[in-house]
Amino acid sequence: MRTVKASQSAPPAAAADGESYRIKAPASGAWTGREDRVAVRIAGDWHFIEPVQGTALFDQAAEAVMVFRSGWKVALAPPLPSGGTIVDAEARTAISALIAALKALGILTG
């Protein structure tokens, strides 16, 4: 899985070799027309990786895992359990802990 510094629509003013970014729409500057690609700085130039179905990356700024499925997707956390006619405290605690763990890993956001 590739790690990107951030998802943004324009190249940063200064980027070190090896830094990478996910390009958001509308792309501008040196990234114009490169939406959804990953931009990698190599020897002072931008190189672009076109994602294929199932490509995964970790966005450091968003602290989230993203997967390419006809566009970049991020998993949103479901609402915590509440209400209902039968309350199972142990199940709610386990589900809440599972959601918290997935958020901590960056798999779920929200």
PDB file of N, CA and C in Angstrom:
ATOM      1  N   MET A   1       0.851  -1.166   0.000  1.00  0.00           N
ATOM      2  CA  MET A   1       0.000   0.000   0.000  1.00  0.00           C
ATOM      3  C   MET A   1       0.899   1.231   0.000  1.00  0.00           C
ATOM      4  N   ARG A   2       0.599   2.154  -0.887  1.00  0.00           N
ATOM      5  CA  ARG A   2       1.349   3.416  -0.970  1.00  0.00           C
ATOM      6  C   ARG A   2       0.804   4.395   0.054  1.00  0.00           C
ATOM      7  N   THR A   3       1.691   5.222   0.596  1.00  0.00           N
ATOM      8  CA  THR A   3       1.296   6.304   1.487  1.00  0.00           C
ATOM      9  C   THR A   3       1.495   7.618   0.757  1.00  0.00           C
ATOM     10  N   VAL A   4       0.492   8.491   0.816  1.00  0.00           N
ATOM     11  CA  VAL A   4       0.597   9.823   0.234  1.00  0.00           C
ATOM     12  C   VAL A   4       0.553  10.841   1.371  1.00  0.00           C
ATOM     13  N   LYS A   5       1.208  11.981   1.155  1.00  0.00           N
ATOM     14  CA  LYS A   5       1.201  13.037   2.172  1.00  0.00           C
ATOM     15  C   LYS A   5      -0.180  13.638   2.332  1.00  0.00           C
ATOM     16  N   ALA A   6      -0.889  13.807   1.210  1.00  0.00           N
ATOM     17  CA  ALA A   6      -2.204  14.443   1.253  1.00  0.00           C
ATOM     18  C   ALA A   6      -2.910  14.222  -0.076  1.00  0.00           C
ATOM     19  N   SER A   7      -4.174  14.587  -0.110  1.00  0.00           N
ATOM     20  CA  SER A   7      -4.967  14.615  -1.335  1.00  0.00           C
ATOM     21  C   SER A   7      -5.223  16.085  -1.633  1.00  0.00           C
ATOM     22  N   GLN A   8      -4.772  16.544  -2.793  1.00  0.00           N
ATOM     23  CA  GLN A   8      -4.951  17.945  -3.129  1.00  0.00           C
ATOM     24  C   GLN A   8      -5.018  18.121  -4.635  1.00  0.00           C
ATOM     25  N   SER A   9      -5.469  19.296  -5.068  1.00  0.00           N
ATOM     26  CA  SER A   9      -5.682  19.527  -6.494  1.00  0.00           C
ATOM     27  C   SER A   9      -4.531  20.245  -7.180  1.00  0.00           C
ATOM     28  N   ALA A  10      -3.590  20.786  -6.422  1.00  0.00           N
ATOM     29  CA  ALA A  10      -2.452  21.496  -7.010  1.00  0.00           C
ATOM     30  C   ALA A  10      -1.155  21.009  -6.377  1.00  0.00           C
ATOM     31  N   PRO A  11      -0.061  21.019  -7.133  1.00  0.00           N
ATOM     32  CA  PRO A  11       1.226  20.606  -6.567  1.00  0.00           C
ATOM     33  C   PRO A  11       1.627  21.533  -5.415  1.00  0.00           C
ATOM     34  N   PRO A  12       2.305  21.002  -4.412  1.00  0.00           N
ATOM     35  CA  PRO A  12       2.780  21.869  -3.334  1.00  0.00           C
ATOM     36  C   PRO A  12       3.881  22.796  -3.861  1.00  0.00           C
ATOM     37  N   ALA A  13       4.055  23.925  -3.181  1.00  0.00           N
ATOM     38  CA  ALA A  13       5.077  24.889  -3.600  1.00  0.00           C
ATOM     39  C   ALA A  13       6.470  24.271  -3.554  1.00  0.00           C
ATOM     40  N   ALA A  14       6.718  23.432  -2.578  1.00  0.00           N
ATOM     41  CA  ALA A  14       8.019  22.762  -2.454  1.00  0.00           C
ATOM     42  C   ALA A  14       7.763  21.310  -2.070  1.00  0.00           C
ATOM     43  N   ALA A  15       8.282  20.397  -2.849  1.00  0.00           N
ATOM     44  CA  ALA A  15       8.124  18.965  -2.548  1.00  0.00           C
ATOM     45  C   ALA A  15       9.481  18.298  -2.672  1.00  0.00           C
ATOM     46  N   ALA A  16       9.792  17.452  -1.736  1.00  0.00           N
ATOM     47  CA  ALA A  16      11.049  16.702  -1.764  1.00  0.00           C
ATOM     48  C   ALA A  16      10.892  15.469  -2.637  1.00  0.00           C
ATOM     49  N   ASP A  17      12.001  15.017  -3.202  1.00  0.00           N
ATOM     50  CA  ASP A  17      11.953  13.779  -3.972  1.00  0.00           C
ATOM     51  C   ASP A  17      11.410  12.658  -3.100  1.00  0.00           C
ATOM     52  N   GLY A  18      10.555  11.839  -3.684  1.00  0.00           N
ATOM     53  CA  GLY A  18       9.952  10.725  -2.981  1.00  0.00           C
ATOM     54  C   GLY A  18       8.584  11.036  -2.395  1.00  0.00           C
ATOM     55  N   GLU A  19       8.239  12.314  -2.263  1.00  0.00           N
ATOM     56  CA  GLU A  19       6.919  12.658  -1.738  1.00  0.00           C
ATOM     57  C   GLU A  19       5.858  12.329  -2.776  1.00  0.00           C
ATOM     58  N   SER A  20       4.695  11.908  -2.303  1.00  0.00           N
ATOM     59  CA  SER A  20       3.603  11.579  -3.218  1.00  0.00           C
ATOM     60  C   SER A  20       2.293  12.149  -2.693  1.00  0.00           C
ATOM     61  N   TYR A  21       1.377  12.431  -3.642  1.00  0.00           N
ATOM     62  CA  TYR A  21       0.091  13.050  -3.358  1.00  0.00           C
ATOM     63  C   TYR A  21      -0.974  12.411  -4.234  1.00  0.00           C
ATOM     64  N   ARG A  22      -2.203  12.319  -3.713  1.00  0.00           N
ATOM     65  CA  ARG A  22      -3.344  11.915  -4.530  1.00  0.00           C
ATOM     66  C   ARG A  22      -3.914  13.186  -5.137  1.00  0.00           C
ATOM     67  N   ILE A  23      -4.140  13.186  -6.445  1.00  0.00           N
ATOM     68  CA  ILE A  23      -4.612  14.386  -7.129  1.00  0.00           C
ATOM     69  C   ILE A  23      -6.138  14.407  -7.153  1.00  0.00           C
ATOM     70  N   LYS A  24      -6.706  15.479  -6.560  1.00  0.00           N
ATOM     71  CA  LYS A  24      -8.152  15.678  -6.527  1.00  0.00           C
ATOM     72  C   LYS A  24      -8.565  16.602  -7.671  1.00  0.00           C
ATOM     73  N   ALA A  25      -9.830  16.532  -8.040  1.00  0.00           N
ATOM     74  CA  ALA A  25     -10.391  17.429  -9.056  1.00  0.00           C
ATOM     75  C   ALA A  25     -10.820  18.730  -8.383  1.00  0.00           C
ATOM     76  N   PRO A  26     -10.713  19.833  -9.061  1.00  0.00           N
ATOM     77  CA  PRO A  26     -10.111  20.018 -10.386  1.00  0.00           C
ATOM     78  C   PRO A  26      -8.603  20.219 -10.247  1.00  0.00           C
ATOM     79  N   ALA A  27      -7.844  19.424 -10.953  1.00  0.00           N
ATOM     80  CA  ALA A  27      -6.384  19.512 -10.883  1.00  0.00           C
ATOM     81  C   ALA A  27      -5.911  20.777 -11.584  1.00  0.00           C
ATOM     82  N   SER A  28      -4.803  21.328 -11.084  1.00  0.00           N
ATOM     83  CA  SER A  28      -4.271  22.549 -11.693  1.00  0.00           C
ATOM     84  C   SER A  28      -2.744  22.501 -11.726  1.00  0.00           C
ATOM     85  N   GLY A  29      -2.176  23.489 -12.411  1.00  0.00           N
ATOM     86  CA  GLY A  29      -0.720  23.564 -12.521  1.00  0.00           C
ATOM     87  C   GLY A  29      -0.169  22.362 -13.261  1.00  0.00           C
ATOM     88  N   ALA A  30       0.940  21.849 -12.782  1.00  0.00           N
ATOM     89  CA  ALA A  30       1.589  20.693 -13.410  1.00  0.00           C
ATOM     90  C   ALA A  30       0.732  19.435 -13.342  1.00  0.00           C
ATOM     91  N   TRP A  31      -0.332  19.486 -12.561  1.00  0.00           N
ATOM     92  CA  TRP A  31      -1.206  18.319 -12.409  1.00  0.00           C
ATOM     93  C   TRP A  31      -2.470  18.413 -13.263  1.00  0.00           C
ATOM     94  N   THR A  32      -2.633  19.437 -14.064  1.00  0.00           N
ATOM     95  CA  THR A  32      -3.837  19.615 -14.873  1.00  0.00           C
ATOM     96  C   THR A  32      -4.113  18.360 -15.710  1.00  0.00           C
ATOM     97  N   GLY A  33      -5.357  17.889 -15.662  1.00  0.00           N
ATOM     98  CA  GLY A  33      -5.761  16.706 -16.426  1.00  0.00           C
ATOM     99  C   GLY A  33      -5.336  15.388 -15.809  1.00  0.00           C
ATOM    100  N   ARG A  34      -4.810  15.404 -14.602  1.00  0.00           N
ATOM    101  CA  ARG A  34      -4.299  14.176 -13.957  1.00  0.00           C
ATOM    102  C   ARG A  34      -5.134  13.757 -12.743  1.00  0.00           C
ATOM    103  N   GLU A  35      -6.396  14.148 -12.696  1.00  0.00           N
ATOM    104  CA  GLU A  35      -7.253  13.825 -11.563  1.00  0.00           C
ATOM    105  C   GLU A  35      -7.247  12.322 -11.268  1.00  0.00           C
ATOM    106  N   ASP A  36      -7.339  11.992 -10.002  1.00  0.00           N
ATOM    107  CA  ASP A  36      -7.385  10.620  -9.468  1.00  0.00           C
ATOM    108  C   ASP A  36      -6.045   9.887  -9.507  1.00  0.00           C
ATOM    109  N   ARG A  37      -5.049  10.440 -10.152  1.00  0.00           N
ATOM    110  CA  ARG A  37      -3.740   9.779 -10.185  1.00  0.00           C
ATOM    111  C   ARG A  37      -2.959  10.089  -8.909  1.00  0.00           C
ATOM    112  N   VAL A  38      -1.879   9.337  -8.714  1.00  0.00           N
ATOM    113  CA  VAL A  38      -0.947   9.606  -7.633  1.00  0.00           C
ATOM    114  C   VAL A  38       0.273  10.274  -8.259  1.00  0.00           C
ATOM    115  N   ALA A  39       0.634  11.446  -7.736  1.00  0.00           N
ATOM    116  CA  ALA A  39       1.794  12.186  -8.224  1.00  0.00           C
ATOM    117  C   ALA A  39       2.969  11.890  -7.301  1.00  0.00           C
ATOM    118  N   VAL A  40       4.096  11.508  -7.887  1.00  0.00           N
ATOM    119  CA  VAL A  40       5.305  11.202  -7.123  1.00  0.00           C
ATOM    120  C   VAL A  40       6.429  12.107  -7.624  1.00  0.00           C
ATOM    121  N   ARG A  41       7.128  12.738  -6.699  1.00  0.00           N
ATOM    122  CA  ARG A  41       8.242  13.624  -7.057  1.00  0.00           C
ATOM    123  C   ARG A  41       9.508  12.783  -7.175  1.00  0.00           C
ATOM    124  N   ILE A  42      10.099  12.768  -8.393  1.00  0.00           N
ATOM    125  CA  ILE A  42      11.324  12.005  -8.654  1.00  0.00           C
ATOM    126  C   ILE A  42      12.280  12.898  -9.431  1.00  0.00           C
ATOM    127  N   ALA A  43      13.478  13.099  -8.882  1.00  0.00           N
ATOM    128  CA  ALA A  43      14.533  13.896  -9.530  1.00  0.00           C
ATOM    129  C   ALA A  43      14.005  15.266  -9.961  1.00  0.00           C
ATOM    130  N   GLY A  44      13.171  15.878  -9.095  1.00  0.00           N
ATOM    131  CA  GLY A  44      12.675  17.220  -9.355  1.00  0.00           C
ATOM    132  C   GLY A  44      11.499  17.303 -10.305  1.00  0.00           C
ATOM    133  N   ASP A  45      11.025  16.179 -10.833  1.00  0.00           N
ATOM    134  CA  ASP A  45       9.881  16.159 -11.746  1.00  0.00           C
ATOM    135  C   ASP A  45       8.739  15.361 -11.129  1.00  0.00           C
ATOM    136  N   TRP A  46       7.528  15.634 -11.620  1.00  0.00           N
ATOM    137  CA  TRP A  46       6.357  14.872 -11.196  1.00  0.00           C
ATOM    138  C   TRP A  46       6.159  13.683 -12.131  1.00  0.00           C
ATOM    139  N   HIS A  47       5.967  12.516 -11.546  1.00  0.00           N
ATOM    140  CA  HIS A  47       5.630  11.292 -12.285  1.00  0.00           C
ATOM    141  C   HIS A  47       4.264  10.862 -11.769  1.00  0.00           C
ATOM    142  N   PHE A  48       3.466  10.283 -12.654  1.00  0.00           N
ATOM    143  CA  PHE A  48       2.073   9.997 -12.316  1.00  0.00           C
ATOM    144  C   PHE A  48       1.773   8.509 -12.424  1.00  0.00           C
ATOM    145  N   ILE A  49       1.061   8.011 -11.418  1.00  0.00           N
ATOM    146  CA  ILE A  49       0.639   6.609 -11.375  1.00  0.00           C
ATOM    147  C   ILE A  49      -0.871   6.584 -11.535  1.00  0.00           C
ATOM    148  N   GLU A  50      -1.352   5.895 -12.560  1.00  0.00           N
ATOM    149  CA  GLU A  50      -2.789   5.767 -12.762  1.00  0.00           C
ATOM    150  C   GLU A  50      -3.285   4.568 -11.963  1.00  0.00           C
ATOM    151  N   PRO A  51      -4.261   4.781 -11.080  1.00  0.00           N
ATOM    152  CA  PRO A  51      -4.735   3.660 -10.262  1.00  0.00           C
ATOM    153  C   PRO A  51      -5.570   2.679 -11.075  1.00  0.00           C
ATOM    154  N   VAL A  52      -5.540   1.435 -10.636  1.00  0.00           N
ATOM    155  CA  VAL A  52      -6.412   0.400 -11.201  1.00  0.00           C
ATOM    156  C   VAL A  52      -7.399   0.005 -10.109  1.00  0.00           C
ATOM    157  N   GLN A  53      -8.465  -0.672 -10.498  1.00  0.00           N
ATOM    158  CA  GLN A  53      -9.463  -1.118  -9.525  1.00  0.00           C
ATOM    159  C   GLN A  53      -8.772  -1.863  -8.382  1.00  0.00           C
ATOM    160  N   GLY A  54      -9.047  -1.452  -7.152  1.00  0.00           N
ATOM    161  CA  GLY A  54      -8.487  -2.119  -5.983  1.00  0.00           C
ATOM    162  C   GLY A  54      -7.220  -1.486  -5.440  1.00  0.00           C
ATOM    163  N   THR A  55      -6.665  -0.494  -6.137  1.00  0.00           N
ATOM    164  CA  THR A  55      -5.482   0.195  -5.616  1.00  0.00           C
ATOM    165  C   THR A  55      -5.831   0.811  -4.267  1.00  0.00           C
ATOM    166  N   ALA A  56      -4.961   0.631  -3.279  1.00  0.00           N
ATOM    167  CA  ALA A  56      -5.195   1.187  -1.948  1.00  0.00           C
ATOM    168  C   ALA A  56      -4.053   2.124  -1.580  1.00  0.00           C
ATOM    169  N   LEU A  57      -4.396   3.160  -0.818  1.00  0.00           N
ATOM    170  CA  LEU A  57      -3.363   4.059  -0.315  1.00  0.00           C
ATOM    171  C   LEU A  57      -3.781   4.583   1.046  1.00  0.00           C
ATOM    172  N   PHE A  58      -2.792   5.098   1.771  1.00  0.00           N
ATOM    173  CA  PHE A  58      -3.056   5.733   3.059  1.00  0.00           C
ATOM    174  C   PHE A  58      -2.743   7.203   2.916  1.00  0.00           C
ATOM    175  N   ASP A  59      -3.728   8.062   3.169  1.00  0.00           N
ATOM    176  CA  ASP A  59      -3.574   9.508   3.102  1.00  0.00           C
ATOM    177  C   ASP A  59      -3.191   9.991   4.504  1.00  0.00           C
ATOM    178  N   GLN A  60      -1.939  10.466   4.643  1.00  0.00           N
ATOM    179  CA  GLN A  60      -1.454  10.883   5.963  1.00  0.00           C
ATOM    180  C   GLN A  60      -2.228  12.072   6.517  1.00  0.00           C
ATOM    181  N   ALA A  61      -2.542  13.060   5.681  1.00  0.00           N
ATOM    182  CA  ALA A  61      -3.249  14.248   6.166  1.00  0.00           C
ATOM    183  C   ALA A  61      -4.659  13.911   6.638  1.00  0.00           C
ATOM    184  N   ALA A  62      -5.352  13.048   5.902  1.00  0.00           N
ATOM    185  CA  ALA A  62      -6.722  12.658   6.261  1.00  0.00           C
ATOM    186  C   ALA A  62      -6.738  11.535   7.291  1.00  0.00           C
ATOM    187  N   GLU A  63      -5.577  10.891   7.489  1.00  0.00           N
ATOM    188  CA  GLU A  63      -5.476   9.731   8.380  1.00  0.00           C
ATOM    189  C   GLU A  63      -6.508   8.672   8.005  1.00  0.00           C
ATOM    190  N   ALA A  64      -6.540   8.342   6.692  1.00  0.00           N
ATOM    191  CA  ALA A  64      -7.542   7.402   6.201  1.00  0.00           C
ATOM    192  C   ALA A  64      -6.989   6.531   5.085  1.00  0.00           C
ATOM    193  N   VAL A  65      -7.463   5.298   5.052  1.00  0.00           N
ATOM    194  CA  VAL A  65      -7.184   4.384   3.951  1.00  0.00           C
ATOM    195  C   VAL A  65      -8.200   4.672   2.854  1.00  0.00           C
ATOM    196  N   MET A  66      -7.734   4.733   1.614  1.00  0.00           N
ATOM    197  CA  MET A  66      -8.611   4.965   0.470  1.00  0.00           C
ATOM    198  C   MET A  66      -8.402   3.833  -0.522  1.00  0.00           C
ATOM    199  N   VAL A  67      -9.474   3.435  -1.202  1.00  0.00           N
ATOM    200  CA  VAL A  67      -9.410   2.377  -2.203  1.00  0.00           C
ATOM    201  C   VAL A  67     -10.024   2.904  -3.491  1.00  0.00           C
ATOM    202  N   PHE A  68      -9.378   2.597  -4.625  1.00  0.00           N
ATOM    203  CA  PHE A  68      -9.885   3.052  -5.918  1.00  0.00           C
ATOM    204  C   PHE A  68     -10.876   2.037  -6.456  1.00  0.00           C
ATOM    205  N   ARG A  69     -12.121   2.480  -6.623  1.00  0.00           N
ATOM    206  CA  ARG A  69     -13.206   1.684  -7.198  1.00  0.00           C
ATOM    207  C   ARG A  69     -13.993   2.616  -8.114  1.00  0.00           C
ATOM    208  N   SER A  70     -13.506   2.801  -9.344  1.00  0.00           N
ATOM    209  CA  SER A  70     -14.099   3.782 -10.268  1.00  0.00           C
ATOM    210  C   SER A  70     -14.117   5.166  -9.622  1.00  0.00           C
ATOM    211  N   GLY A  71     -13.086   5.479  -8.891  1.00  0.00           N
ATOM    212  CA  GLY A  71     -12.933   6.706  -8.109  1.00  0.00           C
ATOM    213  C   GLY A  71     -12.469   6.320  -6.719  1.00  0.00           C
ATOM    214  N   TRP A  72     -11.847   7.255  -6.023  1.00  0.00           N
ATOM    215  CA  TRP A  72     -11.327   6.961  -4.685  1.00  0.00           C
ATOM    216  C   TRP A  72     -12.454   6.919  -3.671  1.00  0.00           C
ATOM    217  N   LYS A  73     -12.480   5.878  -2.844  1.00  0.00           N
ATOM    218  CA  LYS A  73     -13.507   5.692  -1.818  1.00  0.00           C
ATOM    219  C   LYS A  73     -12.837   5.578  -0.452  1.00  0.00           C
ATOM    220  N   VAL A  74     -13.525   6.076   0.555  1.00  0.00           N
ATOM    221  CA  VAL A  74     -13.085   5.931   1.935  1.00  0.00           C
ATOM    222  C   VAL A  74     -14.259   5.348   2.718  1.00  0.00           C
ATOM    223  N   ALA A  75     -13.964   4.441   3.625  1.00  0.00           N
ATOM    224  CA  ALA A  75     -15.023   3.804   4.416  1.00  0.00           C
ATOM    225  C   ALA A  75     -15.429   4.712   5.564  1.00  0.00           C
ATOM    226  N   LEU A  76     -16.707   5.025   5.640  1.00  0.00           N
ATOM    227  CA  LEU A  76     -17.227   5.836   6.729  1.00  0.00           C
ATOM    228  C   LEU A  76     -17.721   4.935   7.847  1.00  0.00           C
ATOM    229  N   ALA A  77     -17.482   5.357   9.061  1.00  0.00           N
ATOM    230  CA  ALA A  77     -17.913   4.566  10.210  1.00  0.00           C
ATOM    231  C   ALA A  77     -19.441   4.565  10.301  1.00  0.00           C
ATOM    232  N   PRO A  78     -20.024   3.406  10.601  1.00  0.00           N
ATOM    233  CA  PRO A  78     -21.477   3.380  10.805  1.00  0.00           C
ATOM    234  C   PRO A  78     -21.811   4.060  12.125  1.00  0.00           C
ATOM    235  N   PRO A  79     -23.058   4.454  12.303  1.00  0.00           N
ATOM    236  CA  PRO A  79     -23.426   5.056  13.594  1.00  0.00           C
ATOM    237  C   PRO A  79     -23.301   4.016  14.705  1.00  0.00           C
ATOM    238  N   LEU A  80     -22.975   4.488  15.883  1.00  0.00           N
ATOM    239  CA  LEU A  80     -22.896   3.577  17.022  1.00  0.00           C
ATOM    240  C   LEU A  80     -24.291   3.063  17.345  1.00  0.00           C
ATOM    241  N   PRO A  81     -24.381   1.822  17.828  1.00  0.00           N
ATOM    242  CA  PRO A  81     -25.698   1.261  18.125  1.00  0.00           C
ATOM    243  C   PRO A  81     -26.425   2.053  19.215  1.00  0.00           C
ATOM    244  N   SER A  82     -27.720   2.237  18.983  1.00  0.00           N
ATOM    245  CA  SER A  82     -28.561   2.887  20.000  1.00  0.00           C
ATOM    246  C   SER A  82     -30.013   2.543  19.693  1.00  0.00           C
ATOM    247  N   GLY A  83     -30.851   2.646  20.698  1.00  0.00           N
ATOM    248  CA  GLY A  83     -32.277   2.378  20.503  1.00  0.00           C
ATOM    249  C   GLY A  83     -32.559   0.903  20.322  1.00  0.00           C
ATOM    250  N   GLY A  84     -33.704   0.604  19.731  1.00  0.00           N
ATOM    251  CA  GLY A  84     -34.123  -0.781  19.520  1.00  0.00           C
ATOM    252  C   GLY A  84     -34.958  -1.286  20.678  1.00  0.00           C
ATOM    253  N   THR A  85     -35.591  -2.432  20.457  1.00  0.00           N
ATOM    254  CA  THR A  85     -36.456  -2.981  21.501  1.00  0.00           C
ATOM    255  C   THR A  85     -35.702  -3.899  22.455  1.00  0.00           C
ATOM    256  N   ILE A  86     -34.614  -4.501  21.984  1.00  0.00           N
ATOM    257  CA  ILE A  86     -33.804  -5.365  22.847  1.00  0.00           C
ATOM    258  C   ILE A  86     -32.404  -4.753  22.900  1.00  0.00           C
ATOM    259  N   VAL A  87     -31.961  -4.448  24.104  1.00  0.00           N
ATOM    260  CA  VAL A  87     -30.651  -3.828  24.277  1.00  0.00           C
ATOM    261  C   VAL A  87     -29.675  -4.885  24.775  1.00  0.00           C
ATOM    262  N   ASP A  88     -28.632  -5.111  24.018  1.00  0.00           N
ATOM    263  CA  ASP A  88     -27.586  -6.050  24.404  1.00  0.00           C
ATOM    264  C   ASP A  88     -26.324  -5.237  24.661  1.00  0.00           C
ATOM    265  N   ALA A  89     -26.064  -4.943  25.919  1.00  0.00           N
ATOM    266  CA  ALA A  89     -24.947  -4.076  26.300  1.00  0.00           C
ATOM    267  C   ALA A  89     -23.603  -4.640  25.841  1.00  0.00           C
ATOM    268  N   GLU A  90     -23.408  -5.944  25.940  1.00  0.00           N
ATOM    269  CA  GLU A  90     -22.130  -6.543  25.537  1.00  0.00           C
ATOM    270  C   GLU A  90     -21.911  -6.413  24.039  1.00  0.00           C
ATOM    271  N   ALA A  91     -22.950  -6.635  23.241  1.00  0.00           N
ATOM    272  CA  ALA A  91     -22.821  -6.506  21.783  1.00  0.00           C
ATOM    273  C   ALA A  91     -22.545  -5.056  21.415  1.00  0.00           C
ATOM    274  N   ARG A  92     -23.243  -4.126  22.050  1.00  0.00           N
ATOM    275  CA  ARG A  92     -23.011  -2.707  21.761  1.00  0.00           C
ATOM    276  C   ARG A  92     -21.585  -2.310  22.123  1.00  0.00           C
ATOM    277  N   THR A  93     -21.091  -2.793  23.240  1.00  0.00           N
ATOM    278  CA  THR A  93     -19.720  -2.484  23.651  1.00  0.00           C
ATOM    279  C   THR A  93     -18.735  -3.054  22.641  1.00  0.00           C
ATOM    280  N   ALA A  94     -18.967  -4.293  22.194  1.00  0.00           N
ATOM    281  CA  ALA A  94     -18.069  -4.917  21.222  1.00  0.00           C
ATOM    282  C   ALA A  94     -18.110  -4.183  19.883  1.00  0.00           C
ATOM    283  N   ILE A  95     -19.284  -3.817  19.417  1.00  0.00           N
ATOM    284  CA  ILE A  95     -19.405  -3.099  18.147  1.00  0.00           C
ATOM    285  C   ILE A  95     -18.737  -1.732  18.254  1.00  0.00           C
ATOM    286  N   SER A  96     -18.951  -1.045  19.362  1.00  0.00           N
ATOM    287  CA  SER A  96     -18.328   0.266  19.560  1.00  0.00           C
ATOM    288  C   SER A  96     -16.811   0.147  19.579  1.00  0.00           C
ATOM    289  N   ALA A  97     -16.290  -0.886  20.215  1.00  0.00           N
ATOM    290  CA  ALA A  97     -14.838  -1.099  20.263  1.00  0.00           C
ATOM    291  C   ALA A  97     -14.287  -1.427  18.879  1.00  0.00           C
ATOM    292  N   LEU A  98     -15.029  -2.214  18.115  1.00  0.00           N
ATOM    293  CA  LEU A  98     -14.607  -2.561  16.754  1.00  0.00           C
ATOM    294  C   LEU A  98     -14.555  -1.309  15.876  1.00  0.00           C
ATOM    295  N   ILE A  99     -15.574  -0.484  15.946  1.00  0.00           N
ATOM    296  CA  ILE A  99     -15.595   0.755  15.167  1.00  0.00           C
ATOM    297  C   ILE A  99     -14.429   1.649  15.582  1.00  0.00           C
ATOM    298  N   ALA A 100     -14.177   1.777  16.887  1.00  0.00           N
ATOM    299  CA  ALA A 100     -13.072   2.609  17.371  1.00  0.00           C
ATOM    300  C   ALA A 100     -11.725   2.084  16.861  1.00  0.00           C
ATOM    301  N   ALA A 101     -11.556   0.759  16.854  1.00  0.00           N
ATOM    302  CA  ALA A 101     -10.302   0.174  16.374  1.00  0.00           C
ATOM    303  C   ALA A 101     -10.113   0.425  14.884  1.00  0.00           C
ATOM    304  N   LEU A 102     -11.161   0.286  14.094  1.00  0.00           N
ATOM    305  CA  LEU A 102     -11.069   0.534  12.657  1.00  0.00           C
ATOM    306  C   LEU A 102     -10.804   2.000  12.361  1.00  0.00           C
ATOM    307  N   LYS A 103     -11.348   2.909  13.168  1.00  0.00           N
ATOM    308  CA  LYS A 103     -11.048   4.324  13.023  1.00  0.00           C
ATOM    309  C   LYS A 103      -9.579   4.593  13.366  1.00  0.00           C
ATOM    310  N   ALA A 104      -9.095   3.983  14.436  1.00  0.00           N
ATOM    311  CA  ALA A 104      -7.701   4.198  14.859  1.00  0.00           C
ATOM    312  C   ALA A 104      -6.712   3.730  13.780  1.00  0.00           C
ATOM    313  N   LEU A 105      -7.085   2.702  13.022  1.00  0.00           N
ATOM    314  CA  LEU A 105      -6.233   2.204  11.941  1.00  0.00           C
ATOM    315  C   LEU A 105      -6.390   2.999  10.655  1.00  0.00           C
ATOM    316  N   GLY A 106      -7.348   3.913  10.623  1.00  0.00           N
ATOM    317  CA  GLY A 106      -7.572   4.703   9.423  1.00  0.00           C
ATOM    318  C   GLY A 106      -8.421   3.999   8.389  1.00  0.00           C
ATOM    319  N   ILE A 107      -9.002   2.860   8.746  1.00  0.00           N
ATOM    320  CA  ILE A 107      -9.828   2.110   7.802  1.00  0.00           C
ATOM    321  C   ILE A 107     -11.207   2.753   7.684  1.00  0.00           C
ATOM    322  N   LEU A 108     -11.751   3.232   8.811  1.00  0.00           N
ATOM    323  CA  LEU A 108     -13.021   3.950   8.810  1.00  0.00           C
ATOM    324  C   LEU A 108     -12.758   5.399   9.190  1.00  0.00           C
ATOM    325  N   THR A 109     -13.556   6.293   8.635  1.00  0.00           N
ATOM    326  CA  THR A 109     -13.481   7.704   9.034  1.00  0.00           C
ATOM    327  C   THR A 109     -14.849   8.165   9.462  1.00  0.00           C
ATOM    328  N   GLY A 110     -14.896   9.310  10.088  1.00  0.00           N
ATOM    329  CA  GLY A 110     -16.184   9.883  10.482  1.00  0.00           C
ATOM    330  C   GLY A 110     -16.473   9.736  11.932  1.00  0.00           C
TER     331      GLY A 110
END
